[in-house]
Amino acid sequence: MANSLMDQLLKAGVASEKQAKKVKHEKRAGKGGKKGQQAAPAAQADAAALAARQAAAEKAERDRQLNLERKAAAEQKALAAQVRQLIAQNRLPREGAGEAYHFTDGRMLKSLPVTPAQRAQLARGQLDIVRDGEAYELVSAEVAEKIRARDASRVMARPAAESKPDADDPYAGYEVPDDLIW
């Protein structure tokens, strides 16, 4: 025969053993009483059913929140894998790289060996530097934009675009070369 409602609630995890014992005790205590007390056990059964429904609703909400958190974590993991794949497939070789190109990563000053041609492309904005774990790689500006769309913290900031010089600037006539090594 089918399980009682209380057994089903216990198996589903909606009600606890303590609640089940309490209901059984109240049910037994109510049988020895007068006929006028029959309404009280029915009210208690209704209260128990209401509590069970509330517990089921709370459990469903917790499960929904947990699923949303898991889904967000899976999406973050997928984006990180896409960024790693973009870097691995599109990084530029630096064999024979001679001079160090200095750049900032947050507040840290870093350097990356590059060829003179790559230095010129970096200065023109055709190449960008991206972080791959603890290492740094060179990629084209188009690939860097794809990476920036997925995780902006992985792409190093480009040097600020030149702005109009002030009229009061005494050094306005002196240009800073792009290949200046500091």
Protein backbone atom coordinates (compact mmCIF):
# COMPACT_ATOMS: atom_id res chain seq x y z
CA MET A 1 0.00 0.00 0.00
CA ALA A 2 1.13 3.61 -0.48
CA ASN A 3 3.09 5.42 2.20
CA SER A 4 1.31 7.87 4.43
CA LEU A 5 1.59 11.58 3.76
CA MET A 6 4.00 11.96 6.67
CA ASP A 7 6.29 9.22 5.32
CA GLN A 8 6.30 10.89 1.91
CA LEU A 9 7.17 14.26 3.47
CA LEU A 10 10.00 12.66 5.46
CA LYS A 11 11.43 10.98 2.35
CA ALA A 12 11.25 14.23 0.38
CA GLY A 13 13.12 16.00 3.15
CA VAL A 14 10.34 18.53 3.64
CA ALA A 15 9.51 17.49 7.20
CA SER A 16 11.86 16.34 9.94
CA GLU A 17 11.64 13.37 12.30
CA LYS A 18 11.03 15.77 15.18
CA GLN A 19 8.01 17.27 13.44
CA ALA A 20 6.64 13.80 12.66
CA LYS A 21 6.94 12.67 16.28
CA LYS A 22 5.27 15.85 17.49
CA VAL A 23 2.30 15.34 15.17
CA LYS A 24 1.93 11.68 16.18
CA HIS A 25 2.07 12.61 19.87
CA GLU A 26 -0.55 15.31 19.46
CA LYS A 27 -2.73 12.90 17.49
CA ARG A 28 -2.57 10.29 20.27
CA ALA A 29 -3.17 12.86 22.98
CA GLY A 30 -6.25 14.16 21.15
CA LYS A 31 -7.99 10.72 20.83
CA GLY A 32 -8.65 10.26 24.56
CA GLY A 33 -10.41 13.61 24.86
CA LYS A 34 -14.01 14.65 24.41
CA LYS A 35 -15.87 14.86 21.13
CA GLY A 36 -15.70 18.64 21.21
CA GLN A 37 -11.94 18.45 20.91
CA GLN A 38 -12.07 16.82 17.45
CA ALA A 39 -11.71 20.22 15.76
CA ALA A 40 -8.31 20.81 17.37
CA PRO A 41 -6.54 17.82 15.72
CA ALA A 42 -7.97 18.85 12.35
CA ALA A 43 -6.60 22.37 12.86
CA GLN A 44 -3.25 20.89 13.83
CA ALA A 45 -3.24 18.71 10.73
CA ASP A 46 -3.98 21.79 8.63
CA ALA A 47 -1.14 23.65 10.36
CA ALA A 48 1.21 20.72 9.73
CA ALA A 49 0.21 20.62 6.06
CA LEU A 50 0.73 24.39 5.81
CA ALA A 51 4.14 24.08 7.43
CA ALA A 52 5.03 21.28 5.03
CA ARG A 53 4.00 23.39 2.03
CA GLN A 54 6.04 26.34 3.34
CA ALA A 55 9.07 24.11 3.87
CA ALA A 56 8.69 22.72 0.35
CA ALA A 57 8.50 26.25 -1.08
CA GLU A 58 11.61 27.31 0.87
CA LYS A 59 13.50 24.24 -0.34
CA ALA A 60 12.49 24.95 -3.93
CA GLU A 61 13.73 28.56 -3.59
CA ARG A 62 17.06 27.40 -2.13
CA ASP A 63 17.45 24.90 -4.96
CA ARG A 64 16.68 27.58 -7.54
CA GLN A 65 19.28 29.95 -6.02
CA LEU A 66 21.87 27.17 -5.94
CA ASN A 67 21.18 26.34 -9.60
CA LEU A 68 21.59 30.00 -10.56
CA GLU A 69 24.95 30.15 -8.75
CA ARG A 70 26.13 26.96 -10.45
CA LYS A 71 25.04 28.28 -13.84
CA ALA A 72 26.93 31.57 -13.29
CA ALA A 73 30.06 29.68 -12.24
CA ALA A 74 29.84 27.47 -15.33
CA GLU A 75 29.48 30.55 -17.57
CA GLN A 76 32.54 32.17 -15.96
CA LYS A 77 34.51 28.98 -16.47
CA ALA A 78 33.46 28.83 -20.13
CA LEU A 79 34.50 32.46 -20.69
CA ALA A 80 37.89 31.80 -19.09
CA ALA A 81 38.38 28.79 -21.37
CA GLN A 82 37.47 30.89 -24.42
CA VAL A 83 40.02 33.54 -23.43
CA ARG A 84 42.75 30.92 -22.91
CA GLN A 85 41.95 29.42 -26.31
CA LEU A 86 42.01 32.83 -28.05
CA ILE A 87 45.41 33.61 -26.54
CA ALA A 88 46.87 30.19 -27.36
CA GLN A 89 45.72 30.29 -30.99
CA ASN A 90 46.58 33.93 -31.74
CA ARG A 91 49.71 34.76 -29.77
CA LEU A 92 52.59 36.10 -31.82
CA PRO A 93 56.02 34.48 -31.67
CA ARG A 94 58.81 36.48 -30.06
CA GLU A 95 61.84 34.52 -31.24
CA GLY A 96 64.91 36.67 -31.51
CA ALA A 97 63.23 39.39 -29.50
CA GLY A 98 65.86 41.80 -28.38
CA GLU A 99 64.71 44.85 -26.50
CA ALA A 100 62.36 44.93 -23.56
CA TYR A 101 59.04 46.71 -23.95
CA HIS A 102 57.91 48.19 -20.63
CA PHE A 103 54.24 48.40 -19.68
CA THR A 104 52.11 48.53 -16.55
CA ASP A 105 49.85 45.80 -15.21
CA GLY A 106 47.72 47.55 -12.67
CA ARG A 107 50.30 49.24 -10.46
CA MET A 108 53.15 46.89 -11.38
CA LEU A 109 55.75 47.72 -14.00
CA LYS A 110 56.43 44.77 -16.31
CA SER A 111 58.61 44.20 -19.34
CA LEU A 112 58.26 41.96 -22.35
CA PRO A 113 61.01 41.19 -24.92
CA VAL A 114 59.87 42.28 -28.38
CA THR A 115 61.40 42.76 -31.81
CA PRO A 116 61.76 46.27 -33.24
CA ALA A 117 58.88 45.58 -35.68
CA GLN A 118 56.63 44.46 -32.82
CA ARG A 119 57.60 47.56 -30.83
CA ALA A 120 56.50 49.74 -33.75
CA GLN A 121 53.22 47.83 -34.06
CA LEU A 122 52.60 48.23 -30.32
CA ALA A 123 53.19 51.97 -30.63
CA ARG A 124 50.71 52.20 -33.54
CA GLY A 125 48.08 50.16 -31.66
CA GLN A 126 48.16 47.21 -34.06
CA LEU A 127 49.27 44.81 -31.29
CA ASP A 128 48.22 44.48 -27.68
CA ILE A 129 49.61 42.71 -24.64
CA VAL A 130 47.41 40.20 -22.83
CA ARG A 131 47.96 38.30 -19.60
CA ASP A 132 47.96 34.51 -19.84
CA GLY A 133 48.19 33.33 -16.25
CA GLU A 134 51.51 34.70 -15.00
CA ALA A 135 52.93 35.22 -18.52
CA TYR A 136 52.24 37.95 -21.05
CA GLU A 137 51.66 37.46 -24.76
CA LEU A 138 51.36 39.66 -27.84
CA VAL A 139 48.17 39.43 -29.91
CA SER A 140 46.64 41.52 -32.68
CA ALA A 141 44.33 44.40 -31.73
CA GLU A 142 41.28 42.55 -33.15
CA VAL A 143 41.92 39.50 -30.97
CA ALA A 144 42.55 41.78 -27.98
CA GLU A 145 39.11 43.31 -28.48
CA LYS A 146 37.52 39.84 -28.46
CA ILE A 147 39.38 39.06 -25.24
CA ARG A 148 38.41 42.43 -23.75
CA ALA A 149 34.74 41.62 -24.45
CA ARG A 150 35.05 38.42 -22.42
CA ASP A 151 37.46 39.55 -19.66
CA ALA A 152 38.74 43.13 -19.74
CA SER A 153 41.22 42.54 -16.90
CA ARG A 154 43.35 40.27 -19.13
CA VAL A 155 44.18 43.00 -21.68
CA MET A 156 46.81 45.54 -20.68
CA ALA A 157 45.82 49.17 -21.06
CA ARG A 158 47.16 50.93 -24.10
CA PRO A 159 49.11 54.11 -23.60
CA ALA A 160 46.80 57.11 -23.51
CA ALA A 161 46.04 58.57 -26.90
CA GLU A 162 47.76 61.83 -27.53
CA SER A 163 45.60 64.76 -26.63
CA LYS A 164 45.80 68.33 -27.83
CA PRO A 165 48.65 70.16 -26.17
CA ASP A 166 47.88 73.06 -23.88
CA ALA A 167 48.49 76.53 -25.24
CA ASP A 168 50.54 77.30 -22.10
CA ASP A 169 52.71 74.17 -22.36
CA PRO A 170 56.34 75.25 -22.82
CA TYR A 171 57.28 71.77 -24.12
CA ALA A 172 54.52 71.56 -26.73
CA GLY A 173 57.05 71.71 -29.56
CA TYR A 174 59.01 68.70 -28.28
CA GLU A 175 57.65 65.30 -29.28
CA VAL A 176 58.29 62.19 -27.22
CA PRO A 177 59.43 59.34 -29.48
CA ASP A 178 57.33 56.16 -29.46
CA ASP A 179 60.37 53.94 -29.06
CA LEU A 180 61.66 55.71 -25.97
CA ILE A 181 63.11 53.13 -23.57
CA TRP A 182 62.93 54.07 -19.90
